[in-house]
């Protein structure tokens, strides 16, 4: 499980570099490419956190969204 998480982080670092390059292009960046890269970042992040979940607050009661 840890090995898989490390591989995901390596892939995520590549995606982050791609995002940085797209930001340099600014308004000239291809929107389909931007969406694709953001989607891959979200997917990799989700995979990582499903392997290595946060333990903070796991014993807390879930508070309502609006008070």
N, C-alpha and C. Protein backbone atom coordinates (compact mmCIF):
# COMPACT_ATOMS: atom_id res chain seq x y z
N UNK A 1 0.82 -1.18 0.00
CA UNK A 1 0.00 0.00 0.00
C UNK A 1 0.87 1.26 0.00
N UNK A 2 1.91 1.29 0.79
CA UNK A 2 2.79 2.46 0.84
C UNK A 2 3.50 2.63 -0.51
N UNK A 3 3.93 1.54 -1.11
CA UNK A 3 4.61 1.63 -2.41
C UNK A 3 3.69 2.23 -3.47
N UNK A 4 2.42 1.83 -3.44
CA UNK A 4 1.46 2.38 -4.39
C UNK A 4 1.24 3.87 -4.15
N UNK A 5 1.19 4.26 -2.87
CA UNK A 5 1.02 5.67 -2.52
C UNK A 5 2.21 6.50 -3.01
N UNK A 6 3.40 5.96 -2.90
CA UNK A 6 4.60 6.67 -3.36
C UNK A 6 4.54 6.86 -4.87
N UNK A 7 4.11 5.83 -5.59
CA UNK A 7 3.99 5.95 -7.05
C UNK A 7 2.96 7.01 -7.44
N UNK A 8 1.87 7.05 -6.70
CA UNK A 8 0.85 8.06 -6.97
C UNK A 8 1.41 9.45 -6.73
N UNK A 9 2.18 9.63 -5.67
CA UNK A 9 2.79 10.94 -5.41
C UNK A 9 3.76 11.34 -6.50
N UNK A 10 4.50 10.38 -7.03
CA UNK A 10 5.41 10.68 -8.14
C UNK A 10 4.62 11.14 -9.36
N UNK A 11 3.51 10.43 -9.66
CA UNK A 11 2.67 10.82 -10.79
C UNK A 11 2.06 12.20 -10.55
N UNK A 12 1.66 12.45 -9.32
CA UNK A 12 1.07 13.74 -8.98
C UNK A 12 2.09 14.88 -9.14
N UNK A 13 3.35 14.61 -8.83
CA UNK A 13 4.37 15.66 -9.00
C UNK A 13 4.54 16.00 -10.48
N UNK A 14 4.40 15.02 -11.35
CA UNK A 14 4.47 15.27 -12.80
C UNK A 14 3.28 16.13 -13.23
N UNK A 15 2.10 15.80 -12.72
CA UNK A 15 0.90 16.57 -13.07
C UNK A 15 1.02 18.00 -12.56
N UNK A 16 1.59 18.19 -11.39
CA UNK A 16 1.77 19.54 -10.85
C UNK A 16 2.70 20.35 -11.75
N UNK A 17 3.73 19.73 -12.28
CA UNK A 17 4.62 20.43 -13.22
C UNK A 17 3.87 20.82 -14.48
N UNK A 18 2.97 19.93 -14.94
CA UNK A 18 2.16 20.25 -16.12
C UNK A 18 1.25 21.44 -15.83
N UNK A 19 0.67 21.48 -14.64
CA UNK A 19 -0.19 22.61 -14.25
C UNK A 19 0.61 23.90 -14.23
N UNK A 20 1.83 23.85 -13.70
CA UNK A 20 2.69 25.04 -13.67
C UNK A 20 2.96 25.55 -15.08
N UNK A 21 3.21 24.63 -16.00
CA UNK A 21 3.47 25.03 -17.39
C UNK A 21 2.23 25.64 -18.02
N UNK A 22 1.07 25.08 -17.72
CA UNK A 22 -0.17 25.64 -18.27
C UNK A 22 -0.45 27.01 -17.69
N UNK A 23 -0.11 27.22 -16.43
CA UNK A 23 -0.30 28.55 -15.83
C UNK A 23 0.58 29.58 -16.50
N UNK A 24 1.76 29.18 -16.92
CA UNK A 24 2.66 30.11 -17.61
C UNK A 24 2.05 30.56 -18.93
N UNK A 25 1.27 29.68 -19.57
CA UNK A 25 0.62 30.02 -20.83
C UNK A 25 -0.55 30.99 -20.62
N UNK A 26 -1.08 31.00 -19.41
CA UNK A 26 -2.18 31.90 -19.10
C UNK A 26 -3.38 31.65 -19.98
N UNK A 27 -3.92 32.70 -20.54
CA UNK A 27 -5.13 32.63 -21.37
C UNK A 27 -4.88 31.90 -22.69
N UNK A 28 -3.62 31.67 -23.03
CA UNK A 28 -3.29 30.98 -24.28
C UNK A 28 -3.35 29.46 -24.12
N UNK A 29 -3.53 28.98 -22.90
CA UNK A 29 -3.56 27.53 -22.64
C UNK A 29 -4.82 26.92 -23.24
N UNK A 30 -4.68 25.71 -23.73
CA UNK A 30 -5.81 24.96 -24.28
C UNK A 30 -6.71 24.52 -23.13
N UNK A 31 -7.97 24.95 -23.16
CA UNK A 31 -8.89 24.67 -22.06
C UNK A 31 -9.16 23.18 -21.88
N UNK A 32 -9.19 22.44 -22.96
CA UNK A 32 -9.39 20.99 -22.85
C UNK A 32 -8.21 20.34 -22.13
N UNK A 33 -7.01 20.83 -22.42
CA UNK A 33 -5.82 20.31 -21.75
C UNK A 33 -5.83 20.68 -20.27
N UNK A 34 -6.25 21.89 -19.96
CA UNK A 34 -6.34 22.33 -18.57
C UNK A 34 -7.32 21.43 -17.81
N UNK A 35 -8.49 21.19 -18.39
CA UNK A 35 -9.48 20.33 -17.75
C UNK A 35 -8.95 18.92 -17.55
N UNK A 36 -8.24 18.41 -18.54
CA UNK A 36 -7.69 17.05 -18.46
C UNK A 36 -6.66 16.94 -17.33
N UNK A 37 -5.78 17.91 -17.26
CA UNK A 37 -4.73 17.89 -16.23
C UNK A 37 -5.34 18.04 -14.84
N UNK A 38 -6.31 18.95 -14.70
CA UNK A 38 -6.97 19.12 -13.40
C UNK A 38 -7.71 17.85 -12.99
N UNK A 39 -8.30 17.19 -13.94
CA UNK A 39 -9.02 15.94 -13.66
C UNK A 39 -8.06 14.85 -13.20
N UNK A 40 -6.91 14.77 -13.86
CA UNK A 40 -5.91 13.78 -13.44
C UNK A 40 -5.39 14.08 -12.04
N UNK A 41 -5.19 15.37 -11.72
CA UNK A 41 -4.73 15.75 -10.39
C UNK A 41 -5.76 15.35 -9.34
N UNK A 42 -7.02 15.59 -9.61
CA UNK A 42 -8.08 15.23 -8.67
C UNK A 42 -8.16 13.72 -8.49
N UNK A 43 -8.05 13.00 -9.58
CA UNK A 43 -8.12 11.53 -9.52
C UNK A 43 -6.95 10.96 -8.71
N UNK A 44 -5.75 11.44 -8.98
CA UNK A 44 -4.58 10.96 -8.25
C UNK A 44 -4.67 11.31 -6.77
N UNK A 45 -5.14 12.51 -6.47
CA UNK A 45 -5.30 12.91 -5.07
C UNK A 45 -6.29 12.01 -4.35
N UNK A 46 -7.39 11.71 -5.01
CA UNK A 46 -8.40 10.83 -4.42
C UNK A 46 -7.84 9.44 -4.17
N UNK A 47 -7.10 8.93 -5.14
CA UNK A 47 -6.48 7.60 -4.97
C UNK A 47 -5.52 7.60 -3.80
N UNK A 48 -4.71 8.66 -3.70
CA UNK A 48 -3.74 8.73 -2.61
C UNK A 48 -4.44 8.74 -1.26
N UNK A 49 -5.45 9.59 -1.11
CA UNK A 49 -6.11 9.70 0.19
C UNK A 49 -6.98 8.49 0.51
N UNK A 50 -7.33 7.69 -0.49
CA UNK A 50 -8.03 6.45 -0.19
C UNK A 50 -7.05 5.41 0.37
N UNK A 51 -5.79 5.55 0.01
CA UNK A 51 -4.75 4.65 0.53
C UNK A 51 -4.24 5.12 1.89
N UNK A 52 -4.05 6.42 2.02
CA UNK A 52 -3.48 7.02 3.23
C UNK A 52 -4.49 8.05 3.77
N UNK A 53 -5.53 7.59 4.43
CA UNK A 53 -6.55 8.54 4.90
C UNK A 53 -6.06 9.34 6.11
N UNK A 54 -6.66 10.49 6.28
CA UNK A 54 -6.38 11.29 7.47
C UNK A 54 -7.00 10.61 8.68
N UNK A 55 -6.31 10.62 9.78
CA UNK A 55 -6.90 10.07 11.00
C UNK A 55 -7.39 11.18 11.92
N UNK A 56 -7.04 12.42 11.58
CA UNK A 56 -7.46 13.55 12.40
C UNK A 56 -8.98 13.68 12.39
N UNK A 57 -9.56 13.74 13.56
CA UNK A 57 -10.99 13.94 13.68
C UNK A 57 -11.83 12.71 13.47
N UNK A 58 -11.21 11.55 13.36
CA UNK A 58 -11.99 10.35 13.05
C UNK A 58 -12.94 9.96 14.18
N UNK A 59 -12.66 10.40 15.39
CA UNK A 59 -13.54 10.09 16.51
C UNK A 59 -14.48 11.24 16.86
N UNK A 60 -14.42 12.31 16.08
CA UNK A 60 -15.29 13.46 16.32
C UNK A 60 -16.68 13.23 15.71
N UNK A 61 -17.64 13.89 16.29
CA UNK A 61 -19.00 13.87 15.73
C UNK A 61 -19.04 14.87 14.59
N UNK A 62 -19.65 14.48 13.48
CA UNK A 62 -19.76 15.37 12.33
C UNK A 62 -20.71 16.50 12.66
N UNK A 63 -20.23 17.71 12.48
CA UNK A 63 -21.04 18.89 12.76
C UNK A 63 -21.92 19.23 11.56
N UNK A 64 -23.07 19.86 11.81
CA UNK A 64 -23.92 20.28 10.69
C UNK A 64 -23.21 21.31 9.82
N UNK A 65 -23.57 21.34 8.55
CA UNK A 65 -22.97 22.29 7.61
C UNK A 65 -23.32 23.71 8.00
N UNK A 66 -24.59 23.97 8.32
CA UNK A 66 -25.03 25.31 8.72
C UNK A 66 -25.44 25.28 10.19
N UNK A 67 -25.02 26.28 10.92
CA UNK A 67 -25.42 26.35 12.33
C UNK A 67 -26.74 27.04 12.48
